[in-house]
C-alpha atoms as a PDB file:
ATOM      1  CA  UNK A   1     -47.225  23.219 -26.815  1.00  0.00           C
ATOM      2  CA  UNK A   2     -49.014  25.747 -24.600  1.00  0.00           C
ATOM      3  CA  UNK A   3     -48.005  26.661 -21.058  1.00  0.00           C
ATOM      4  CA  UNK A   4     -50.774  24.483 -19.574  1.00  0.00           C
ATOM      5  CA  UNK A   5     -49.652  21.297 -21.331  1.00  0.00           C
ATOM      6  CA  UNK A   6     -47.111  19.403 -19.239  1.00  0.00           C
ATOM      7  CA  UNK A   7     -46.105  15.845 -20.057  1.00  0.00           C
ATOM      8  CA  UNK A   8     -46.913  13.119 -17.525  1.00  0.00           C
ATOM      9  CA  UNK A   9     -45.144   9.774 -17.867  1.00  0.00           C
ATOM     10  CA  UNK A  10     -47.312   6.887 -16.660  1.00  0.00           C
ATOM     11  CA  UNK A  11     -45.911   3.443 -15.834  1.00  0.00           C
ATOM     12  CA  UNK A  12     -45.231   0.952 -13.040  1.00  0.00           C
ATOM     13  CA  UNK A  13     -41.985   1.292 -11.137  1.00  0.00           C
ATOM     14  CA  UNK A  14     -38.818  -0.155 -12.666  1.00  0.00           C
ATOM     15  CA  UNK A  15     -39.883   0.843 -16.198  1.00  0.00           C
ATOM     16  CA  UNK A  16     -36.916   3.057 -17.222  1.00  0.00           C
ATOM     17  CA  UNK A  17     -38.949   6.083 -16.111  1.00  0.00           C
ATOM     18  CA  UNK A  18     -36.140   7.926 -14.305  1.00  0.00           C
ATOM     19  CA  UNK A  19     -33.779   8.036 -17.265  1.00  0.00           C
ATOM     20  CA  UNK A  20     -36.599   8.602 -19.766  1.00  0.00           C
ATOM     21  CA  UNK A  21     -38.072  11.509 -17.799  1.00  0.00           C
ATOM     22  CA  UNK A  22     -34.732  13.226 -17.271  1.00  0.00           C
ATOM     23  CA  UNK A  23     -33.761  12.670 -20.920  1.00  0.00           C
ATOM     24  CA  UNK A  24     -37.009  14.053 -22.344  1.00  0.00           C
ATOM     25  CA  UNK A  25     -36.807  16.896 -19.840  1.00  0.00           C
ATOM     26  CA  UNK A  26     -33.490  18.024 -21.324  1.00  0.00           C
ATOM     27  CA  UNK A  27     -35.274  19.252 -24.454  1.00  0.00           C
ATOM     28  CA  UNK A  28     -34.797  23.062 -24.483  1.00  0.00           C
ATOM     29  CA  UNK A  29     -38.569  23.594 -24.235  1.00  0.00           C
ATOM     30  CA  UNK A  30     -39.108  21.103 -21.402  1.00  0.00           C
ATOM     31  CA  UNK A  31     -38.142  20.735 -17.741  1.00  0.00           C
ATOM     32  CA  UNK A  32     -37.864  17.256 -16.240  1.00  0.00           C
ATOM     33  CA  UNK A  33     -38.826  16.879 -12.588  1.00  0.00           C
ATOM     34  CA  UNK A  34     -37.715  14.260 -10.089  1.00  0.00           C
ATOM     35  CA  UNK A  35     -40.455  12.397  -8.224  1.00  0.00           C
ATOM     36  CA  UNK A  36     -42.618  15.017  -6.483  1.00  0.00           C
ATOM     37  CA  UNK A  37     -45.743  12.928  -5.729  1.00  0.00           C
ATOM     38  CA  UNK A  38     -48.209  15.804  -6.038  1.00  0.00           C
ATOM     39  CA  UNK A  39     -50.607  13.722  -8.113  1.00  0.00           C
ATOM     40  CA  UNK A  40     -51.615  11.342  -5.314  1.00  0.00           C
ATOM     41  CA  UNK A  41     -53.061  13.817  -2.791  1.00  0.00           C
ATOM     42  CA  UNK A  42     -55.201  16.965  -2.867  1.00  0.00           C
ATOM     43  CA  UNK A  43     -53.328  19.219  -0.416  1.00  0.00           C
ATOM     44  CA  UNK A  44     -49.818  19.844   0.849  1.00  0.00           C
ATOM     45  CA  UNK A  45     -51.026  18.879   4.336  1.00  0.00           C
ATOM     46  CA  UNK A  46     -51.821  15.422   2.974  1.00  0.00           C
ATOM     47  CA  UNK A  47     -48.497  15.350   1.155  1.00  0.00           C
ATOM     48  CA  UNK A  48     -46.555  16.019   4.375  1.00  0.00           C
ATOM     49  CA  UNK A  49     -48.587  13.363   6.217  1.00  0.00           C
ATOM     50  CA  UNK A  50     -48.047  10.772   3.488  1.00  0.00           C
ATOM     51  CA  UNK A  51     -44.285  11.242   3.611  1.00  0.00           C
ATOM     52  CA  UNK A  52     -44.310  10.230   7.300  1.00  0.00           C
ATOM     53  CA  UNK A  53     -45.746   6.783   6.634  1.00  0.00           C
ATOM     54  CA  UNK A  54     -43.522   3.669   6.795  1.00  0.00           C
ATOM     55  CA  UNK A  55     -41.548   3.049   3.634  1.00  0.00           C
ATOM     56  CA  UNK A  56     -42.145   6.554   2.286  1.00  0.00           C
ATOM     57  CA  UNK A  57     -39.570   8.630   4.119  1.00  0.00           C
ATOM     58  CA  UNK A  58     -37.809   9.526   0.857  1.00  0.00           C
ATOM     59  CA  UNK A  59     -40.877  10.593  -1.108  1.00  0.00           C
ATOM     60  CA  UNK A  60     -40.700  14.268  -0.070  1.00  0.00           C
ATOM     61  CA  UNK A  61     -37.117  14.757  -1.208  1.00  0.00           C
ATOM     62  CA  UNK A  62     -37.756  15.293  -4.916  1.00  0.00           C
ATOM     63  CA  UNK A  63     -40.061  18.254  -4.317  1.00  0.00           C
ATOM     64  CA  UNK A  64     -37.670  19.725  -1.753  1.00  0.00           C
ATOM     65  CA  UNK A  65     -34.897  19.596  -4.341  1.00  0.00           C
ATOM     66  CA  UNK A  66     -37.124  21.228  -6.971  1.00  0.00           C
ATOM     67  CA  UNK A  67     -38.123  24.133  -4.709  1.00  0.00           C
ATOM     68  CA  UNK A  68     -34.501  24.599  -3.632  1.00  0.00           C
ATOM     69  CA  UNK A  69     -33.337  24.641  -7.247  1.00  0.00           C
ATOM     70  CA  UNK A  70     -36.052  27.017  -8.464  1.00  0.00           C
ATOM     71  CA  UNK A  71     -35.719  29.437  -5.533  1.00  0.00           C
ATOM     72  CA  UNK A  72     -31.957  29.357  -4.952  1.00  0.00           C
ATOM     73  CA  UNK A  73     -30.457  27.847  -8.132  1.00  0.00           C
ATOM     74  CA  UNK A  74     -28.797  25.340  -5.805  1.00  0.00           C
ATOM     75  CA  UNK A  75     -29.557  22.182  -3.856  1.00  0.00           C
ATOM     76  CA  UNK A  76     -27.468  22.726  -0.760  1.00  0.00           C
ATOM     77  CA  UNK A  77     -28.513  21.629   2.734  1.00  0.00           C
ATOM     78  CA  UNK A  78     -29.425  25.223   3.550  1.00  0.00           C
ATOM     79  CA  UNK A  79     -31.476  25.622   0.367  1.00  0.00           C
ATOM     80  CA  UNK A  80     -33.355  22.398   1.142  1.00  0.00           C
ATOM     81  CA  UNK A  81     -34.122  23.582   4.689  1.00  0.00           C
ATOM     82  CA  UNK A  82     -35.500  26.829   3.282  1.00  0.00           C
ATOM     83  CA  UNK A  83     -37.508  24.860   0.719  1.00  0.00           C
ATOM     84  CA  UNK A  84     -39.061  22.772   3.493  1.00  0.00           C
ATOM     85  CA  UNK A  85     -39.937  25.880   5.487  1.00  0.00           C
ATOM     86  CA  UNK A  86     -41.462  27.499   2.394  1.00  0.00           C
ATOM     87  CA  UNK A  87     -43.660  24.442   1.775  1.00  0.00           C
ATOM     88  CA  UNK A  88     -44.697  24.177   5.415  1.00  0.00           C
ATOM     89  CA  UNK A  89     -45.796  27.814   5.355  1.00  0.00           C
ATOM     90  CA  UNK A  90     -48.097  26.877   2.475  1.00  0.00           C
ATOM     91  CA  UNK A  91     -49.368  23.575   3.856  1.00  0.00           C
ATOM     92  CA  UNK A  92     -52.970  24.656   3.186  1.00  0.00           C
ATOM     93  CA  UNK A  93     -52.260  24.965  -0.536  1.00  0.00           C
ATOM     94  CA  UNK A  94     -53.890  22.488  -2.841  1.00  0.00           C
ATOM     95  CA  UNK A  95     -51.552  20.354  -4.911  1.00  0.00           C
ATOM     96  CA  UNK A  96     -53.259  21.889  -7.943  1.00  0.00           C
ATOM     97  CA  UNK A  97     -52.098  25.328  -6.826  1.00  0.00           C
ATOM     98  CA  UNK A  98     -48.548  24.098  -6.275  1.00  0.00           C
ATOM     99  CA  UNK A  99     -48.448  22.326  -9.646  1.00  0.00           C
ATOM    100  CA  UNK A 100     -49.425  25.572 -11.358  1.00  0.00           C
ATOM    101  CA  UNK A 101     -46.899  27.490  -9.272  1.00  0.00           C
ATOM    102  CA  UNK A 102     -44.147  25.181 -10.506  1.00  0.00           C
ATOM    103  CA  UNK A 103     -45.389  25.474 -14.082  1.00  0.00           C
ATOM    104  CA  UNK A 104     -45.301  29.276 -13.838  1.00  0.00           C
ATOM    105  CA  UNK A 105     -41.792  29.268 -12.361  1.00  0.00           C
ATOM    106  CA  UNK A 106     -40.284  27.275 -15.220  1.00  0.00           C
ATOM    107  CA  UNK A 107     -42.353  28.844 -18.040  1.00  0.00           C
ATOM    108  CA  UNK A 108     -42.057  29.032 -21.008  1.00  0.00           C
ATOM    109  CA  UNK A 109     -40.593  25.545 -20.554  1.00  0.00           C
ATOM    110  CA  UNK A 110     -43.089  22.776 -19.807  1.00  0.00           C
ATOM    111  CA  UNK A 111     -43.034  20.363 -16.894  1.00  0.00           C
ATOM    112  CA  UNK A 112     -42.238  16.689 -17.425  1.00  0.00           C
ATOM    113  CA  UNK A 113     -43.338  14.630 -14.423  1.00  0.00           C
ATOM    114  CA  UNK A 114     -43.075  10.876 -13.932  1.00  0.00           C
ATOM    115  CA  UNK A 115     -44.037  10.718 -10.266  1.00  0.00           C
ATOM    116  CA  UNK A 116     -45.697   7.412  -9.344  1.00  0.00           C
ATOM    117  CA  UNK A 117     -49.501   7.519  -9.257  1.00  0.00           C
ATOM    118  CA  UNK A 118     -49.745   4.255  -7.271  1.00  0.00           C
ATOM    119  CA  UNK A 119     -51.796   2.838 -10.145  1.00  0.00           C
ATOM    120  CA  UNK A 120     -55.010   4.357  -8.861  1.00  0.00           C
ATOM    121  CA  UNK A 121     -57.622   5.710 -11.238  1.00  0.00           C
ATOM    122  CA  UNK A 122     -58.436   8.678  -9.003  1.00  0.00           C
ATOM    123  CA  UNK A 123     -54.804   9.786  -9.112  1.00  0.00           C
ATOM    124  CA  UNK A 124     -54.757   9.689 -12.908  1.00  0.00           C
ATOM    125  CA  UNK A 125     -58.001  11.642 -12.991  1.00  0.00           C
ATOM    126  CA  UNK A 126     -56.499  14.136 -10.545  1.00  0.00           C
ATOM    127  CA  UNK A 127     -53.613  14.857 -12.929  1.00  0.00           C
ATOM    128  CA  UNK A 128     -56.072  15.343 -15.766  1.00  0.00           C
ATOM    129  CA  UNK A 129     -58.159  17.719 -13.637  1.00  0.00           C
ATOM    130  CA  UNK A 130     -55.086  19.795 -12.756  1.00  0.00           C
ATOM    131  CA  UNK A 131     -54.008  20.092 -16.404  1.00  0.00           C
ATOM    132  CA  UNK A 132     -56.895  19.108 -18.735  1.00  0.00           C
ATOM    133  CA  UNK A 133     -54.721  19.679 -21.809  1.00  0.00           C
ATOM    134  CA  UNK A 134     -51.727  17.709 -20.560  1.00  0.00           C
ATOM    135  CA  UNK A 135     -50.031  15.015 -22.619  1.00  0.00           C
ATOM    136  CA  UNK A 136     -49.656  11.480 -21.235  1.00  0.00           C
ATOM    137  CA  UNK A 137     -46.882   9.082 -22.244  1.00  0.00           C
ATOM    138  CA  UNK A 138     -47.678   5.456 -21.348  1.00  0.00           C
ATOM    139  CA  UNK A 139     -44.246   3.871 -20.916  1.00  0.00           C
ATOM    140  CA  UNK A 140     -44.036   0.062 -20.854  1.00  0.00           C
ATOM    141  CA  UNK A 141     -41.444  -2.590 -20.042  1.00  0.00           C
ATOM    142  CA  UNK A 142     -41.652  -6.375 -20.434  1.00  0.00           C
ATOM    143  CA  UNK A 143     -43.291  -7.941 -17.352  1.00  0.00           C
ATOM    144  CA  UNK A 144     -40.378 -10.343 -16.826  1.00  0.00           C
ATOM    145  CA  UNK A 145     -37.754  -7.597 -16.850  1.00  0.00           C
ATOM    146  CA  UNK A 146     -39.930  -5.375 -14.686  1.00  0.00           C
ATOM    147  CA  UNK A 147     -40.582  -8.188 -12.219  1.00  0.00           C
ATOM    148  CA  UNK A 148     -36.947  -9.232 -11.965  1.00  0.00           C
ATOM    149  CA  UNK A 149     -35.867  -5.647 -11.330  1.00  0.00           C
ATOM    150  CA  UNK A 150     -38.641  -5.033  -8.807  1.00  0.00           C
ATOM    151  CA  UNK A 151     -37.954  -8.250  -6.885  1.00  0.00           C
ATOM    152  CA  UNK A 152     -34.212  -7.646  -6.827  1.00  0.00           C
ATOM    153  CA  UNK A 153     -34.717  -4.264  -5.175  1.00  0.00           C
ATOM    154  CA  UNK A 154     -37.639  -5.014  -2.874  1.00  0.00           C
ATOM    155  CA  UNK A 155     -36.673  -8.461  -1.599  1.00  0.00           C
ATOM    156  CA  UNK A 156     -33.350  -7.159  -0.297  1.00  0.00           C
ATOM    157  CA  UNK A 157     -35.234  -4.658   1.855  1.00  0.00           C
ATOM    158  CA  UNK A 158     -38.117  -6.898   2.924  1.00  0.00           C
ATOM    159  CA  UNK A 159     -37.006  -7.681   6.455  1.00  0.00           C
ATOM    160  CA  UNK A 160     -35.976  -4.127   7.306  1.00  0.00           C
ATOM    161  CA  UNK A 161     -38.696  -2.164   5.548  1.00  0.00           C
ATOM    162  CA  UNK A 162     -41.758  -4.136   6.512  1.00  0.00           C
ATOM    163  CA  UNK A 163     -42.495  -5.664   3.135  1.00  0.00           C
ATOM    164  CA  UNK A 164     -44.382  -8.979   3.095  1.00  0.00           C
ATOM    165  CA  UNK A 165     -42.720 -12.379   3.095  1.00  0.00           C
ATOM    166  CA  UNK A 166     -41.044 -13.491  -0.158  1.00  0.00           C
ATOM    167  CA  UNK A 167     -43.995 -15.550  -1.360  1.00  0.00           C
ATOM    168  CA  UNK A 168     -46.445 -12.705  -0.864  1.00  0.00           C
ATOM    169  CA  UNK A 169     -44.038 -10.222  -2.441  1.00  0.00           C
ATOM    170  CA  UNK A 170     -43.628 -12.512  -5.473  1.00  0.00           C
ATOM    171  CA  UNK A 171     -47.400 -12.656  -5.948  1.00  0.00           C
ATOM    172  CA  UNK A 172     -47.672  -8.874  -5.618  1.00  0.00           C
ATOM    173  CA  UNK A 173     -45.136  -8.208  -8.380  1.00  0.00           C
ATOM    174  CA  UNK A 174     -47.167  -9.726 -11.201  1.00  0.00           C
ATOM    175  CA  UNK A 175     -50.416  -8.238  -9.865  1.00  0.00           C
ATOM    176  CA  UNK A 176     -48.792  -4.808  -9.580  1.00  0.00           C
ATOM    177  CA  UNK A 177     -47.659  -4.831 -13.224  1.00  0.00           C
ATOM    178  CA  UNK A 178     -51.089  -5.882 -14.486  1.00  0.00           C
ATOM    179  CA  UNK A 179     -53.139  -3.520 -12.345  1.00  0.00           C
ATOM    180  CA  UNK A 180     -51.148  -0.392 -13.116  1.00  0.00           C
ATOM    181  CA  UNK A 181     -51.089  -0.969 -16.864  1.00  0.00           C
ATOM    182  CA  UNK A 182     -54.800  -1.770 -16.879  1.00  0.00           C
ATOM    183  CA  UNK A 183     -55.549   1.466 -15.021  1.00  0.00           C
ATOM    184  CA  UNK A 184     -53.397   3.469 -17.425  1.00  0.00           C
ATOM    185  CA  UNK A 185     -55.072   1.908 -20.462  1.00  0.00           C
ATOM    186  CA  UNK A 186     -58.516   2.577 -19.028  1.00  0.00           C
ATOM    187  CA  UNK A 187     -57.545   6.200 -18.399  1.00  0.00           C
ATOM    188  CA  UNK A 188     -55.841   6.919 -21.724  1.00  0.00           C
ATOM    189  CA  UNK A 189     -58.572   5.193 -23.756  1.00  0.00           C
ATOM    190  CA  UNK A 190     -60.958   7.986 -22.741  1.00  0.00           C
ATOM    191  CA  UNK A 191     -58.629  10.865 -23.606  1.00  0.00           C
ATOM    192  CA  UNK A 192     -59.098  12.893 -26.801  1.00  0.00           C
ATOM    193  CA  UNK A 193     -57.164  11.646 -29.806  1.00  0.00           C
ATOM    194  CA  UNK A 194     -53.541  12.754 -29.738  1.00  0.00           C
ATOM    195  CA  UNK A 195     -53.367  13.426 -26.010  1.00  0.00           C
ATOM    196  CA  UNK A 196     -51.726  10.089 -25.164  1.00  0.00           C
ATOM    197  CA  UNK A 197     -48.915   8.004 -26.632  1.00  0.00           C
ATOM    198  CA  UNK A 198     -47.770   4.488 -25.724  1.00  0.00           C
ATOM    199  CA  UNK A 199     -44.134   3.504 -26.101  1.00  0.00           C
ATOM    200  CA  UNK A 200     -42.083   0.435 -25.212  1.00  0.00           C
ATOM    201  CA  UNK A 201     -39.090   1.494 -23.141  1.00  0.00           C
ATOM    202  CA  UNK A 202     -36.987  -1.173 -24.845  1.00  0.00           C
ATOM    203  CA  UNK A 203     -37.608   0.455 -28.251  1.00  0.00           C
ATOM    204  CA  UNK A 204     -36.677   3.881 -26.958  1.00  0.00           C
ATOM    205  CA  UNK A 205     -33.395   2.669 -25.470  1.00  0.00           C
ATOM    206  CA  UNK A 206     -32.479   0.902 -28.716  1.00  0.00           C
ATOM    207  CA  UNK A 207     -32.878   4.006 -30.924  1.00  0.00           C
ATOM    208  CA  UNK A 208     -33.452   6.961 -28.589  1.00  0.00           C
ATOM    209  CA  UNK A 209     -32.851   9.703 -31.141  1.00  0.00           C
ATOM    210  CA  UNK A 210     -35.644   8.304 -33.319  1.00  0.00           C
ATOM    211  CA  UNK A 211     -38.177   8.191 -30.501  1.00  0.00           C
ATOM    212  CA  UNK A 212     -37.100  11.481 -28.938  1.00  0.00           C
ATOM    213  CA  UNK A 213     -37.800  13.116 -32.293  1.00  0.00           C
ATOM    214  CA  UNK A 214     -41.177  11.369 -32.460  1.00  0.00           C
ATOM    215  CA  UNK A 215     -42.045  12.571 -28.959  1.00  0.00           C
ATOM    216  CA  UNK A 216     -40.979  16.126 -29.789  1.00  0.00           C
ATOM    217  CA  UNK A 217     -43.139  16.101 -32.921  1.00  0.00           C
ATOM    218  CA  UNK A 218     -46.085  14.806 -30.903  1.00  0.00           C
ATOM    219  CA  UNK A 219     -45.648  17.640 -28.392  1.00  0.00           C
ATOM    220  CA  UNK A 220     -45.238  20.242 -31.179  1.00  0.00           C
ATOM    221  CA  UNK A 221     -41.715  21.063 -30.043  1.00  0.00           C
ATOM    222  CA  UNK A 222     -38.444  21.727 -31.841  1.00  0.00           C
ATOM    223  CA  UNK A 223     -37.012  18.714 -33.657  1.00  0.00           C
ATOM    224  CA  UNK A 224     -33.668  20.167 -34.769  1.00  0.00           C
ATOM    225  CA  UNK A 225     -30.469  18.265 -34.040  1.00  0.00           C
ATOM    226  CA  UNK A 226     -29.531  20.487 -31.087  1.00  0.00           C
ATOM    227  CA  UNK A 227     -32.851  19.875 -29.351  1.00  0.00           C
ATOM    228  CA  UNK A 228     -32.800  16.116 -29.940  1.00  0.00           C
ATOM    229  CA  UNK A 229     -29.115  15.978 -29.007  1.00  0.00           C
ATOM    230  CA  UNK A 230     -29.864  17.606 -25.658  1.00  0.00           C
ATOM    231  CA  UNK A 231     -32.320  14.804 -24.893  1.00  0.00           C
ATOM    232  CA  UNK A 232     -29.486  12.292 -25.218  1.00  0.00           C
ATOM    233  CA  UNK A 233     -27.909  13.678 -22.039  1.00  0.00           C
ATOM    234  CA  UNK A 234     -30.101  13.131 -18.980  1.00  0.00           C
ATOM    235  CA  UNK A 235     -26.978  13.513 -16.863  1.00  0.00           C
ATOM    236  CA  UNK A 236     -27.110  17.266 -17.522  1.00  0.00           C
ATOM    237  CA  UNK A 237     -30.287  17.617 -15.461  1.00  0.00           C
ATOM    238  CA  UNK A 238     -29.825  19.419 -12.119  1.00  0.00           C
ATOM    239  CA  UNK A 239     -31.578  16.424 -10.529  1.00  0.00           C
ATOM    240  CA  UNK A 240     -29.385  13.711 -12.096  1.00  0.00           C
ATOM    241  CA  UNK A 241     -27.108  13.206  -9.088  1.00  0.00           C
ATOM    242  CA  UNK A 242     -27.248  12.426  -5.395  1.00  0.00           C
ATOM    243  CA  UNK A 243     -28.612  15.452  -3.542  1.00  0.00           C
ATOM    244  CA  UNK A 244     -27.477  17.021  -0.256  1.00  0.00           C
ATOM    245  CA  UNK A 245     -27.559  14.975   2.957  1.00  0.00           C
ATOM    246  CA  UNK A 246     -31.041  16.204   3.911  1.00  0.00           C
ATOM    247  CA  UNK A 247     -32.499  15.364   0.470  1.00  0.00           C
ATOM    248  CA  UNK A 248     -30.227  12.877  -1.329  1.00  0.00           C
ATOM    249  CA  UNK A 249     -32.975  11.017  -3.215  1.00  0.00           C
ATOM    250  CA  UNK A 250     -35.895  12.112  -5.367  1.00  0.00           C
ATOM    251  CA  UNK A 251     -35.286   9.555  -8.077  1.00  0.00           C
ATOM    252  CA  UNK A 252     -34.181   5.980  -8.655  1.00  0.00           C
ATOM    253  CA  UNK A 253     -30.926   5.462  -6.759  1.00  0.00           C
ATOM    254  CA  UNK A 254     -29.282   3.596  -9.615  1.00  0.00           C
ATOM    255  CA  UNK A 255     -30.039   6.442 -11.993  1.00  0.00           C
ATOM    256  CA  UNK A 256     -28.724   9.046  -9.549  1.00  0.00           C
ATOM    257  CA  UNK A 257     -25.436   7.156  -9.329  1.00  0.00           C
ATOM    258  CA  UNK A 258     -25.161   6.487 -13.096  1.00  0.00           C
ATOM    259  CA  UNK A 259     -27.424   8.961 -14.917  1.00  0.00           C
ATOM    260  CA  UNK A 260     -26.069   8.554 -18.433  1.00  0.00           C
ATOM    261  CA  UNK A 261     -28.346   7.206 -21.161  1.00  0.00           C
ATOM    262  CA  UNK A 262     -27.231   3.662 -21.952  1.00  0.00           C
ATOM    263  CA  UNK A 263     -28.106   3.215 -25.606  1.00  0.00           C
ATOM    264  CA  UNK A 264     -28.892  -0.305 -26.734  1.00  0.00           C
ATOM    265  CA  UNK A 265     -31.774  -2.737 -26.570  1.00  0.00           C
ATOM    266  CA  UNK A 266     -31.976  -4.671 -23.281  1.00  0.00           C
ATOM    267  CA  UNK A 267     -31.435  -8.426 -23.464  1.00  0.00           C
ATOM    268  CA  UNK A 268     -34.352 -10.374 -24.903  1.00  0.00           C
ATOM    269  CA  UNK A 269     -36.721 -11.987 -22.420  1.00  0.00           C
ATOM    270  CA  UNK A 270     -39.751 -14.178 -23.072  1.00  0.00           C
ATOM    271  CA  UNK A 271     -43.279 -14.494 -21.749  1.00  0.00           C
ATOM    272  CA  UNK A 272     -42.876 -18.276 -21.644  1.00  0.00           C
ATOM    273  CA  UNK A 273     -41.288 -20.094 -18.743  1.00  0.00           C
ATOM    274  CA  UNK A 274     -41.528 -19.700 -14.968  1.00  0.00           C
ATOM    275  CA  UNK A 275     -41.167 -16.330 -13.289  1.00  0.00           C
ATOM    276  CA  UNK A 276     -37.702 -16.134 -11.718  1.00  0.00           C
ATOM    277  CA  UNK A 277     -39.080 -14.562  -8.537  1.00  0.00           C
ATOM    278  CA  UNK A 278     -41.662 -17.319  -7.962  1.00  0.00           C
ATOM    279  CA  UNK A 279     -40.323 -19.941  -5.562  1.00  0.00           C
ATOM    280  CA  UNK A 280     -42.976 -22.355  -6.835  1.00  0.00           C
ATOM    281  CA  UNK A 281     -41.849 -21.920 -10.441  1.00  0.00           C
ATOM    282  CA  UNK A 282     -45.149 -20.483 -11.641  1.00  0.00           C
ATOM    283  CA  UNK A 283     -45.624 -19.186 -15.174  1.00  0.00           C
ATOM    284  CA  UNK A 284     -47.279 -15.870 -15.947  1.00  0.00           C
ATOM    285  CA  UNK A 285     -51.030 -15.893 -15.378  1.00  0.00           C
ATOM    286  CA  UNK A 286     -53.306 -15.810 -18.459  1.00  0.00           C
ATOM    287  CA  UNK A 287     -54.360 -12.221 -17.656  1.00  0.00           C
ATOM    288  CA  UNK A 288     -50.706 -11.138 -17.619  1.00  0.00           C
ATOM    289  CA  UNK A 289     -50.026 -12.849 -20.935  1.00  0.00           C
ATOM    290  CA  UNK A 290     -53.034 -11.226 -22.600  1.00  0.00           C
ATOM    291  CA  UNK A 291     -52.068  -7.765 -21.397  1.00  0.00           C
ATOM    292  CA  UNK A 292     -48.385  -8.224 -22.276  1.00  0.00           C
ATOM    293  CA  UNK A 293     -49.279  -9.270 -25.830  1.00  0.00           C
ATOM    294  CA  UNK A 294     -51.671  -6.341 -26.103  1.00  0.00           C
ATOM    295  CA  UNK A 295     -48.705  -4.113 -25.239  1.00  0.00           C
ATOM    296  CA  UNK A 296     -46.604  -5.783 -27.947  1.00  0.00           C
ATOM    297  CA  UNK A 297     -44.492  -8.237 -25.922  1.00  0.00           C
ATOM    298  CA  UNK A 298     -43.705 -11.860 -26.685  1.00  0.00           C
END
């Protein structure tokens, strides 16, 4: 794995991506990042502006924690303030330049980034343009499990955070799962052979050592027991905990509070039957069923 070959994890939200990214990033030749959101804009100016929009006030915190950690080997309030000032002084930088800066700082280890791409094709293409030789892991989760998790989190915040009414939110959940996976498939289908891998998150959680070894082999990394064993401990990441008061987030809150890898296959769920988050008791749409079966779900 060369120094210009990071690993990007692509998936909808609520797809085990936090624990998977931090676990893979514990390999001695890798470095797992929290959510830094550099792949959805072209410049740091745009990045700062995006973080000011409603519902996105936490999206800057992962990158602040990374800069603090890399510059000061700590994530204190003071280090985060200095990280913010450092980024603001470079607000004219392109996100491409900052991505390469981060890659150079952690070299010879490689970046592992699972930041959301919002399911937009131009954001996926942007990542590919920044690192043409990057690897892409398409991580999947059953649409029912994903939807239940998404609705549980978002519906509780709907009134306060400006999300749509429950019926509209319920309709968005299924559409969100389909659209993002379709965009990822369209993107990865055009990559050179060997540059992308697709993996069910449920399989990985059931036998993580097996799939961590497979991922390491794919990336041409060490596969000895020490390297694979390190990947079993995402809690050892410097980003696997609540951060300081001025940057406590940067990753899924549940993961930050309980970052250990919970080995075991999640409970079985089916594609048949009404969606639990649909107040009208609707079943999955035909397009969802086709895509889910294409991804190996029943």
